[in-house]
Amino acid sequence: MTRETLAKSDRPLAVPVRAVSVEVLLADGSRMTGRIFLRGAEPGKGQETIQGRLNDPERFFPFERGEPVGGCLLQKGMVAAVAAPEAMVAAVATLERVAGTGEPHRVRVKLLGGETLNGRVWAQGPWNRARLVDYLNDAAGAFFPLEAEGRTWYVNRDLVQLVVNLGTNGQAR
C-alpha cells in the first residue's frame, strides 16, 4: 500500500455540507461574519438547521471567516448568538409560530458581553408551560431563536445576563 493510498483510506467519509453566511456574537461582545457549514439531508431526516447545528452535542463547529484568516473552529460555549441570513428568517418565523403556543413574547435580551437584542420568542410546549420563564428554562438546547429586526438570532441561554418582558407598546412590564 502506498503512502498516498493509506492517507486516503484513513480519511473519514466526507459528509455533504452547505455553507450559510452568518454573523456571530462572541461572549466577549466581539462580532465576526463568515460562514458555518450545515450537513446536507440524510435519509429519513431533513437538512440540518442552524439551531440544530448549535444544539447538537458537539462542542465545536467549523466557521469560515473572510479574508485573511480563513477557517477556524468555534467553541459553542463562547458563542453568545448567531444571526441567520434574511433568506431564512421567514421560514424560521413560520415554524416558530406553528410550534409555539399563544402570542409571542416581546423581549429585550442583554448578553454577558454587553450586547442587547430586542425581539420576539414563541414559547414552545404544552399550555401549562407557555410562560416566558418556562421557555427560557427549557433544557432542550442551549440556543433559542429570537426574531429581531428582520433577522433571526440563535441566542445562547448560558450567556444571557437578563431578559426583560416587554409589553405591547415596547415598555417593560
N, C-alpha and C. Protein backbone atom coordinates (compact mmCIF):
# COMPACT_ATOMS: atom_id res chain seq x y z
N MET A 1 0.85 -1.18 0.00
CA MET A 1 0.00 0.00 0.00
C MET A 1 0.89 1.24 0.00
N THR A 2 0.63 2.14 -0.91
CA THR A 2 1.44 3.35 -0.98
C THR A 2 1.03 4.32 0.12
N ARG A 3 1.91 5.26 0.36
CA ARG A 3 1.63 6.28 1.37
C ARG A 3 0.38 7.08 1.00
N GLU A 4 0.21 7.41 -0.29
CA GLU A 4 -0.95 8.17 -0.75
C GLU A 4 -2.24 7.37 -0.56
N THR A 5 -2.22 6.09 -0.87
CA THR A 5 -3.40 5.24 -0.70
C THR A 5 -3.76 5.13 0.77
N LEU A 6 -2.76 4.96 1.63
CA LEU A 6 -3.00 4.87 3.07
C LEU A 6 -3.63 6.17 3.59
N ALA A 7 -3.09 7.30 3.15
CA ALA A 7 -3.63 8.58 3.61
C ALA A 7 -5.09 8.74 3.19
N LYS A 8 -5.42 8.34 1.96
CA LYS A 8 -6.80 8.45 1.50
C LYS A 8 -7.72 7.51 2.27
N SER A 9 -7.25 6.33 2.60
CA SER A 9 -8.11 5.36 3.29
C SER A 9 -8.33 5.73 4.75
N ASP A 10 -7.42 6.53 5.33
CA ASP A 10 -7.56 6.94 6.73
C ASP A 10 -8.48 8.13 6.91
N ARG A 11 -8.83 8.82 5.83
CA ARG A 11 -9.70 9.99 5.93
C ARG A 11 -11.12 9.56 6.27
N PRO A 12 -11.78 10.31 7.15
CA PRO A 12 -13.19 9.99 7.42
C PRO A 12 -14.03 10.22 6.17
N LEU A 13 -15.14 9.56 6.10
CA LEU A 13 -16.04 9.74 4.97
C LEU A 13 -16.52 11.18 4.94
N ALA A 14 -16.50 11.78 3.78
CA ALA A 14 -16.95 13.16 3.63
C ALA A 14 -18.47 13.22 3.74
N VAL A 15 -18.95 14.22 4.45
CA VAL A 15 -20.38 14.45 4.59
C VAL A 15 -20.72 15.68 3.76
N PRO A 16 -21.73 15.58 2.89
CA PRO A 16 -22.07 16.78 2.10
C PRO A 16 -22.56 17.90 3.02
N VAL A 17 -22.07 19.11 2.78
CA VAL A 17 -22.46 20.26 3.60
C VAL A 17 -22.86 21.41 2.70
N ARG A 18 -23.56 22.37 3.30
CA ARG A 18 -23.86 23.62 2.61
C ARG A 18 -23.40 24.75 3.52
N ALA A 19 -22.81 25.76 2.91
CA ALA A 19 -22.32 26.91 3.66
C ALA A 19 -23.42 27.95 3.77
N VAL A 20 -23.56 28.53 4.97
CA VAL A 20 -24.57 29.55 5.22
C VAL A 20 -23.87 30.76 5.85
N SER A 21 -24.08 31.93 5.27
CA SER A 21 -23.48 33.16 5.80
C SER A 21 -24.21 33.57 7.08
N VAL A 22 -23.43 33.90 8.12
CA VAL A 22 -23.99 34.28 9.41
C VAL A 22 -23.16 35.40 10.04
N GLU A 23 -23.73 36.01 11.05
CA GLU A 23 -23.00 36.91 11.93
C GLU A 23 -22.95 36.25 13.29
N VAL A 24 -21.79 36.25 13.91
CA VAL A 24 -21.60 35.60 15.21
C VAL A 24 -21.22 36.65 16.24
N LEU A 25 -21.93 36.63 17.37
CA LEU A 25 -21.59 37.46 18.53
C LEU A 25 -20.90 36.55 19.53
N LEU A 26 -19.70 36.91 19.96
CA LEU A 26 -18.98 36.08 20.92
C LEU A 26 -19.24 36.55 22.34
N ALA A 27 -18.88 35.73 23.30
CA ALA A 27 -19.13 36.02 24.72
C ALA A 27 -18.51 37.33 25.16
N ASP A 28 -17.39 37.72 24.56
CA ASP A 28 -16.72 38.96 24.96
C ASP A 28 -17.31 40.20 24.29
N GLY A 29 -18.37 40.02 23.48
CA GLY A 29 -19.02 41.13 22.81
C GLY A 29 -18.51 41.41 21.41
N SER A 30 -17.44 40.73 20.99
CA SER A 30 -16.93 40.94 19.63
C SER A 30 -17.83 40.24 18.61
N ARG A 31 -17.76 40.70 17.36
CA ARG A 31 -18.58 40.17 16.27
C ARG A 31 -17.68 39.64 15.17
N MET A 32 -18.17 38.61 14.49
CA MET A 32 -17.49 38.08 13.32
C MET A 32 -18.54 37.75 12.27
N THR A 33 -18.20 37.93 11.02
CA THR A 33 -19.07 37.47 9.95
C THR A 33 -18.31 36.38 9.20
N GLY A 34 -19.07 35.45 8.66
CA GLY A 34 -18.46 34.35 7.94
C GLY A 34 -19.51 33.32 7.58
N ARG A 35 -19.08 32.07 7.48
CA ARG A 35 -19.99 31.01 7.08
C ARG A 35 -19.85 29.81 8.02
N ILE A 36 -21.01 29.22 8.34
CA ILE A 36 -21.00 27.95 9.04
C ILE A 36 -21.45 26.89 8.04
N PHE A 37 -21.18 25.65 8.37
CA PHE A 37 -21.46 24.56 7.46
C PHE A 37 -22.50 23.64 8.07
N LEU A 38 -23.60 23.48 7.35
CA LEU A 38 -24.70 22.64 7.80
C LEU A 38 -24.68 21.36 6.98
N ARG A 39 -24.94 20.25 7.67
CA ARG A 39 -24.95 18.96 6.98
C ARG A 39 -26.12 18.89 6.02
N GLY A 40 -25.91 18.20 4.91
CA GLY A 40 -26.97 18.00 3.93
C GLY A 40 -28.01 17.03 4.43
N ALA A 41 -29.03 16.83 3.65
CA ALA A 41 -30.12 15.93 4.03
C ALA A 41 -29.61 14.49 4.11
N GLU A 42 -30.06 13.79 5.14
CA GLU A 42 -29.76 12.38 5.30
C GLU A 42 -31.05 11.61 5.12
N PRO A 43 -30.96 10.34 4.73
CA PRO A 43 -32.19 9.55 4.58
C PRO A 43 -33.02 9.58 5.86
N GLY A 44 -34.30 9.92 5.73
CA GLY A 44 -35.20 9.97 6.88
C GLY A 44 -35.12 11.25 7.68
N LYS A 45 -34.22 12.17 7.30
CA LYS A 45 -34.07 13.44 8.01
C LYS A 45 -34.05 14.56 6.99
N GLY A 46 -34.43 15.74 7.42
CA GLY A 46 -34.33 16.90 6.54
C GLY A 46 -32.94 17.49 6.61
N GLN A 47 -32.74 18.63 6.00
CA GLN A 47 -31.45 19.31 6.07
C GLN A 47 -31.24 19.86 7.46
N GLU A 48 -30.01 19.87 7.89
CA GLU A 48 -29.66 20.41 9.20
C GLU A 48 -29.94 21.91 9.21
N THR A 49 -30.42 22.42 10.35
CA THR A 49 -30.70 23.85 10.53
C THR A 49 -29.60 24.48 11.38
N ILE A 50 -29.57 25.80 11.39
CA ILE A 50 -28.60 26.50 12.24
C ILE A 50 -28.84 26.13 13.70
N GLN A 51 -30.10 26.16 14.13
CA GLN A 51 -30.42 25.82 15.52
C GLN A 51 -30.03 24.38 15.83
N GLY A 52 -30.29 23.48 14.90
CA GLY A 52 -29.90 22.08 15.10
C GLY A 52 -28.40 21.92 15.25
N ARG A 53 -27.64 22.64 14.42
CA ARG A 53 -26.18 22.57 14.50
C ARG A 53 -25.67 23.11 15.83
N LEU A 54 -26.23 24.24 16.26
CA LEU A 54 -25.79 24.84 17.52
C LEU A 54 -26.18 24.00 18.73
N ASN A 55 -27.28 23.27 18.63
CA ASN A 55 -27.75 22.46 19.77
C ASN A 55 -27.33 21.00 19.70
N ASP A 56 -26.53 20.62 18.70
CA ASP A 56 -26.08 19.22 18.69
C ASP A 56 -25.03 19.04 19.79
N PRO A 57 -24.67 17.80 20.14
CA PRO A 57 -23.78 17.57 21.28
C PRO A 57 -22.32 17.94 21.06
N GLU A 58 -21.91 18.23 19.83
CA GLU A 58 -20.51 18.58 19.58
C GLU A 58 -20.20 19.95 20.18
N ARG A 59 -19.02 20.08 20.79
CA ARG A 59 -18.66 21.32 21.48
C ARG A 59 -18.13 22.41 20.55
N PHE A 60 -17.59 22.01 19.41
CA PHE A 60 -17.02 22.95 18.45
C PHE A 60 -17.72 22.80 17.11
N PHE A 61 -17.73 23.87 16.31
CA PHE A 61 -18.22 23.77 14.95
C PHE A 61 -17.32 24.58 14.03
N PRO A 62 -17.19 24.13 12.77
CA PRO A 62 -16.35 24.85 11.82
C PRO A 62 -16.97 26.18 11.42
N PHE A 63 -16.14 27.19 11.33
CA PHE A 63 -16.56 28.53 10.95
C PHE A 63 -15.51 29.08 10.01
N GLU A 64 -15.96 29.59 8.88
CA GLU A 64 -15.03 30.16 7.90
C GLU A 64 -15.19 31.66 7.90
N ARG A 65 -14.14 32.34 8.34
CA ARG A 65 -14.15 33.81 8.33
C ARG A 65 -13.67 34.28 6.97
N GLY A 66 -13.97 35.52 6.67
CA GLY A 66 -13.48 36.10 5.43
C GLY A 66 -11.97 36.26 5.48
N GLU A 67 -11.44 36.90 4.48
CA GLU A 67 -10.01 37.13 4.40
C GLU A 67 -9.51 37.84 5.64
N PRO A 68 -8.29 37.76 6.05
CA PRO A 68 -7.27 36.87 5.53
C PRO A 68 -7.16 35.59 6.35
N VAL A 69 -7.92 35.45 7.44
CA VAL A 69 -7.72 34.36 8.39
C VAL A 69 -8.18 33.01 7.87
N GLY A 70 -9.36 32.94 7.26
CA GLY A 70 -9.87 31.67 6.76
C GLY A 70 -10.64 30.91 7.82
N GLY A 71 -10.50 29.60 7.84
CA GLY A 71 -11.31 28.74 8.70
C GLY A 71 -10.80 28.62 10.12
N CYS A 72 -11.72 28.32 11.02
CA CYS A 72 -11.39 28.08 12.42
C CYS A 72 -12.49 27.22 13.02
N LEU A 73 -12.32 26.84 14.25
CA LEU A 73 -13.35 26.11 14.99
C LEU A 73 -13.81 27.01 16.13
N LEU A 74 -15.12 27.18 16.28
CA LEU A 74 -15.67 27.98 17.37
C LEU A 74 -16.21 27.07 18.46
N GLN A 75 -15.91 27.40 19.71
CA GLN A 75 -16.43 26.66 20.85
C GLN A 75 -17.80 27.22 21.17
N LYS A 76 -18.82 26.37 21.15
CA LYS A 76 -20.20 26.84 21.31
C LYS A 76 -20.44 27.58 22.61
N GLY A 77 -19.75 27.20 23.66
CA GLY A 77 -19.92 27.87 24.94
C GLY A 77 -19.46 29.32 24.94
N MET A 78 -18.65 29.71 23.97
CA MET A 78 -18.17 31.09 23.85
C MET A 78 -18.94 31.88 22.81
N VAL A 79 -19.94 31.26 22.19
CA VAL A 79 -20.78 31.93 21.20
C VAL A 79 -22.04 32.42 21.89
N ALA A 80 -22.23 33.74 21.94
CA ALA A 80 -23.40 34.31 22.60
C ALA A 80 -24.63 34.22 21.72
N ALA A 81 -24.46 34.45 20.40
CA ALA A 81 -25.60 34.42 19.48
C ALA A 81 -25.10 34.32 18.05
N VAL A 82 -25.95 33.75 17.21
CA VAL A 82 -25.66 33.62 15.78
C VAL A 82 -26.88 34.14 15.02
N ALA A 83 -26.65 35.05 14.06
CA ALA A 83 -27.74 35.61 13.27
C ALA A 83 -27.86 34.88 11.95
N ALA A 84 -29.09 34.45 11.66
CA ALA A 84 -29.38 33.77 10.40
C ALA A 84 -29.50 34.79 9.28
N PRO A 85 -29.21 34.37 8.06
CA PRO A 85 -29.39 35.28 6.92
C PRO A 85 -30.86 35.60 6.70
N GLU A 86 -31.13 36.74 6.08
CA GLU A 86 -32.50 37.18 5.87
C GLU A 86 -33.35 36.17 5.11
N ALA A 87 -32.74 35.44 4.19
CA ALA A 87 -33.50 34.47 3.39
C ALA A 87 -34.10 33.37 4.25
N MET A 88 -33.52 33.10 5.42
CA MET A 88 -34.02 32.03 6.28
C MET A 88 -35.04 32.52 7.29
N VAL A 89 -35.14 33.83 7.48
CA VAL A 89 -35.98 34.38 8.55
C VAL A 89 -37.45 34.01 8.40
N ALA A 90 -38.01 34.18 7.23
CA ALA A 90 -39.44 33.91 7.04
C ALA A 90 -39.78 32.46 7.35
N ALA A 91 -38.97 31.53 6.89
CA ALA A 91 -39.22 30.11 7.14
C ALA A 91 -39.12 29.80 8.63
N VAL A 92 -38.12 30.35 9.29
CA VAL A 92 -37.94 30.10 10.73
C VAL A 92 -39.10 30.68 11.52
N ALA A 93 -39.51 31.91 11.20
CA ALA A 93 -40.61 32.55 11.92
C ALA A 93 -41.89 31.76 11.76
N THR A 94 -42.15 31.25 10.57
CA THR A 94 -43.35 30.46 10.35
C THR A 94 -43.32 29.19 11.19
N LEU A 95 -42.19 28.52 11.24
CA LEU A 95 -42.06 27.30 12.05
C LEU A 95 -42.26 27.60 13.53
N GLU A 96 -41.70 28.71 14.00
CA GLU A 96 -41.84 29.07 15.41
C GLU A 96 -43.30 29.33 15.76
N ARG A 97 -44.00 30.03 14.88
CA ARG A 97 -45.41 30.33 15.15
C ARG A 97 -46.25 29.08 15.19
N VAL A 98 -45.96 28.13 14.30
CA VAL A 98 -46.71 26.88 14.27
C VAL A 98 -46.40 26.06 15.52
N ALA A 99 -45.11 26.00 15.89
CA ALA A 99 -44.71 25.18 17.04
C ALA A 99 -45.06 25.85 18.36
N GLY A 100 -45.09 27.17 18.38
CA GLY A 100 -45.33 27.89 19.62
C GLY A 100 -46.79 27.90 20.01
N THR A 101 -47.02 28.39 21.19
CA THR A 101 -48.39 28.48 21.68
C THR A 101 -48.68 29.93 22.05
N GLY A 102 -49.90 30.37 21.80
CA GLY A 102 -50.31 31.70 22.21
C GLY A 102 -49.58 32.80 21.47
N GLU A 103 -49.55 33.97 22.07
CA GLU A 103 -48.92 35.14 21.49
C GLU A 103 -47.41 35.09 21.69
N PRO A 104 -46.68 35.79 20.82
CA PRO A 104 -45.24 35.84 21.03
C PRO A 104 -44.92 36.67 22.27
N HIS A 105 -43.80 36.38 22.87
CA HIS A 105 -43.30 37.17 23.99
C HIS A 105 -42.32 38.18 23.41
N ARG A 106 -42.61 39.48 23.59
CA ARG A 106 -41.68 40.53 23.16
C ARG A 106 -40.68 40.72 24.29
N VAL A 107 -39.39 40.64 23.95
CA VAL A 107 -38.36 40.65 24.98
C VAL A 107 -37.18 41.53 24.59
N ARG A 108 -36.44 41.94 25.61
CA ARG A 108 -35.13 42.56 25.47
C ARG A 108 -34.16 41.63 26.18
N VAL A 109 -33.16 41.16 25.45
CA VAL A 109 -32.19 40.21 25.99
C VAL A 109 -30.83 40.90 26.09
N LYS A 110 -30.27 40.94 27.30
CA LYS A 110 -28.93 41.51 27.49
C LYS A 110 -27.97 40.35 27.67
N LEU A 111 -26.93 40.33 26.84
CA LEU A 111 -25.93 39.27 26.90
C LEU A 111 -24.76 39.67 27.78
N LEU A 112 -24.00 38.69 28.25
CA LEU A 112 -22.89 38.97 29.16
C LEU A 112 -21.85 39.90 28.54
N GLY A 113 -21.66 39.84 27.23
CA GLY A 113 -20.69 40.71 26.57
C GLY A 113 -21.15 42.15 26.42
N GLY A 114 -22.38 42.47 26.87
CA GLY A 114 -22.90 43.83 26.82
C GLY A 114 -23.89 44.10 25.70
N GLU A 115 -23.98 43.23 24.70
CA GLU A 115 -24.91 43.41 23.60
C GLU A 115 -26.35 43.26 24.09
N THR A 116 -27.27 43.99 23.46
CA THR A 116 -28.70 43.86 23.76
C THR A 116 -29.43 43.55 22.47
N LEU A 117 -30.31 42.55 22.52
CA LEU A 117 -31.13 42.17 21.38
C LEU A 117 -32.59 42.33 21.76
N ASN A 118 -33.37 42.99 20.91
CA ASN A 118 -34.80 43.13 21.13
C ASN A 118 -35.51 42.29 20.07
N GLY A 119 -36.58 41.60 20.49
CA GLY A 119 -37.30 40.79 19.51
C GLY A 119 -38.42 40.01 20.14
N ARG A 120 -38.80 38.92 19.44
CA ARG A 120 -39.92 38.09 19.88
C ARG A 120 -39.49 36.63 19.95
N VAL A 121 -40.05 35.94 20.94
CA VAL A 121 -39.87 34.49 21.05
C VAL A 121 -41.26 33.87 21.23
N TRP A 122 -41.41 32.65 20.76
CA TRP A 122 -42.65 31.92 20.93
C TRP A 122 -42.39 30.78 21.89
N ALA A 123 -43.12 30.75 23.01
CA ALA A 123 -42.98 29.66 23.96
C ALA A 123 -43.45 28.38 23.30
N GLN A 124 -42.65 27.36 23.40
CA GLN A 124 -42.98 26.07 22.78
C GLN A 124 -43.24 25.07 23.89
N GLY A 125 -44.34 24.39 23.80
CA GLY A 125 -44.66 23.39 24.81
C GLY A 125 -46.14 23.39 25.11
N PRO A 126 -46.53 22.56 26.06
CA PRO A 126 -47.95 22.49 26.42
C PRO A 126 -48.42 23.81 27.05
N TRP A 127 -49.73 24.00 27.06
CA TRP A 127 -50.30 25.27 27.54
C TRP A 127 -49.83 25.64 28.94
N ASN A 128 -49.57 24.66 29.78
CA ASN A 128 -49.16 24.97 31.15
C ASN A 128 -47.66 25.23 31.28
N ARG A 129 -46.94 25.24 30.14
CA ARG A 129 -45.51 25.56 30.14
C ARG A 129 -45.22 26.63 29.09
N ALA A 130 -46.16 27.56 28.88
CA ALA A 130 -46.03 28.57 27.83
C ALA A 130 -45.57 29.93 28.35
N ARG A 131 -45.19 29.99 29.62
CA ARG A 131 -44.68 31.25 30.16
C ARG A 131 -43.26 31.49 29.65
N LEU A 132 -42.85 32.75 29.64
CA LEU A 132 -41.51 33.09 29.20
C LEU A 132 -40.45 32.38 30.03
N VAL A 133 -40.62 32.32 31.31
CA VAL A 133 -39.65 31.65 32.18
C VAL A 133 -39.55 30.16 31.85
N ASP A 134 -40.67 29.53 31.51
CA ASP A 134 -40.63 28.12 31.11
C ASP A 134 -39.82 27.95 29.83
N TYR A 135 -40.07 28.84 28.88
CA TYR A 135 -39.36 28.78 27.60
C TYR A 135 -37.85 28.93 27.80
N LEU A 136 -37.46 29.90 28.61
CA LEU A 136 -36.03 30.15 28.82
C LEU A 136 -35.36 29.05 29.64
N ASN A 137 -36.10 28.39 30.49
CA ASN A 137 -35.54 27.29 31.30
C ASN A 137 -35.56 25.94 30.59
N ASP A 138 -36.14 25.89 29.41
CA ASP A 138 -36.21 24.65 28.64
C ASP A 138 -34.79 24.12 28.42
N ALA A 139 -34.58 22.88 28.78
CA ALA A 139 -33.24 22.28 28.65
C ALA A 139 -33.05 21.56 27.32
N ALA A 140 -33.96 21.75 26.37
CA ALA A 140 -33.87 21.05 25.09
C ALA A 140 -32.63 21.45 24.29
N GLY A 141 -32.09 22.59 24.52
CA GLY A 141 -30.89 23.03 23.82
C GLY A 141 -30.41 24.34 24.38
N ALA A 142 -29.13 24.61 24.21
CA ALA A 142 -28.55 25.84 24.75
C ALA A 142 -29.02 27.07 23.98
N PHE A 143 -29.29 26.93 22.66
CA PHE A 143 -29.61 28.07 21.82
C PHE A 143 -31.10 28.12 21.51
N PHE A 144 -31.69 29.31 21.67
CA PHE A 144 -33.11 29.50 21.35
C PHE A 144 -33.24 30.61 20.30
N PRO A 145 -34.27 30.55 19.42
CA PRO A 145 -34.43 31.56 18.39
C PRO A 145 -35.11 32.82 18.92
N LEU A 146 -34.65 33.96 18.45
CA LEU A 146 -35.20 35.27 18.77
C LEU A 146 -35.36 36.01 17.45
N GLU A 147 -36.60 36.33 17.08
CA GLU A 147 -36.85 37.07 15.84
C GLU A 147 -36.69 38.55 16.15
N ALA A 148 -35.74 39.19 15.46
CA ALA A 148 -35.41 40.58 15.77
C ALA A 148 -35.05 41.36 14.51
N GLU A 149 -35.78 42.44 14.25
CA GLU A 149 -35.44 43.39 13.20
C GLU A 149 -35.08 42.71 11.87
N GLY A 150 -35.94 41.82 11.40
CA GLY A 150 -35.73 41.17 10.12
C GLY A 150 -34.68 40.08 10.11
N ARG A 151 -34.21 39.68 11.29
CA ARG A 151 -33.22 38.62 11.40
C ARG A 151 -33.66 37.65 12.48
N THR A 152 -33.16 36.46 12.40
CA THR A 152 -33.37 35.52 13.50
C THR A 152 -32.02 35.28 14.16
N TRP A 153 -31.97 35.56 15.46
CA TRP A 153 -30.77 35.29 16.25
C TRP A 153 -30.99 33.99 17.01
N TYR A 154 -29.98 33.17 17.08
CA TYR A 154 -30.00 31.98 17.93
C TYR A 154 -29.13 32.33 19.14
N VAL A 155 -29.78 32.48 20.29
CA VAL A 155 -29.16 33.04 21.49
C VAL A 155 -28.78 31.92 22.46
N ASN A 156 -27.57 31.98 22.98
CA ASN A 156 -27.07 31.00 23.94
C ASN A 156 -27.62 31.35 25.33
N ARG A 157 -28.49 30.48 25.87
CA ARG A 157 -29.10 30.72 27.19
C ARG A 157 -28.06 30.93 28.28
N ASP A 158 -26.93 30.25 28.17
CA ASP A 158 -25.90 30.32 29.20
C ASP A 158 -25.18 31.67 29.23
N LEU A 159 -25.31 32.46 28.17
CA LEU A 159 -24.62 33.75 28.12
C LEU A 159 -25.59 34.93 28.17
N VAL A 160 -26.82 34.66 28.62
CA VAL A 160 -27.82 35.71 28.81
C VAL A 160 -27.69 36.23 30.23
N GLN A 161 -27.54 37.55 30.35
CA GLN A 161 -27.44 38.17 31.67
C GLN A 161 -28.82 38.43 32.24
N LEU A 162 -29.72 38.99 31.41
CA LEU A 162 -31.08 39.23 31.86
C LEU A 162 -32.02 39.33 30.67
N VAL A 163 -33.30 39.06 30.94
CA VAL A 163 -34.34 39.17 29.92
C VAL A 163 -35.45 40.04 30.49
N VAL A 164 -35.84 41.06 29.73
CA VAL A 164 -36.94 41.93 30.14
C VAL A 164 -38.14 41.59 29.25
N ASN A 165 -39.27 41.28 29.87
CA ASN A 165 -40.50 41.02 29.14
C ASN A 165 -41.13 42.37 28.81
N LEU A 166 -41.29 42.65 27.50
CA LEU A 166 -41.82 43.94 27.07
C LEU A 166 -43.32 43.85 26.81
N GLY A 167 -44.02 44.91 27.13
CA GLY A 167 -45.46 44.96 26.87
C GLY A 167 -45.73 45.22 25.40
N THR A 168 -47.00 45.37 25.05
CA THR A 168 -47.38 45.58 23.66
C THR A 168 -46.86 46.90 23.10
N ASN A 169 -46.59 47.87 23.96
CA ASN A 169 -46.09 49.16 23.48
C ASN A 169 -44.56 49.25 23.57
N GLY A 170 -43.91 48.13 23.87
CA GLY A 170 -42.46 48.11 23.94
C GLY A 170 -41.88 48.52 25.28
N GLN A 171 -42.76 48.79 26.26
CA GLN A 171 -42.30 49.18 27.60
C GLN A 171 -42.19 47.93 28.47
N ALA A 172 -41.23 47.94 29.38
CA ALA A 172 -41.05 46.79 30.28
C ALA A 172 -42.27 46.62 31.15
N ARG A 173 -42.60 45.35 31.40
CA ARG A 173 -43.72 45.05 32.29
C ARG A 173 -43.21 44.73 33.67
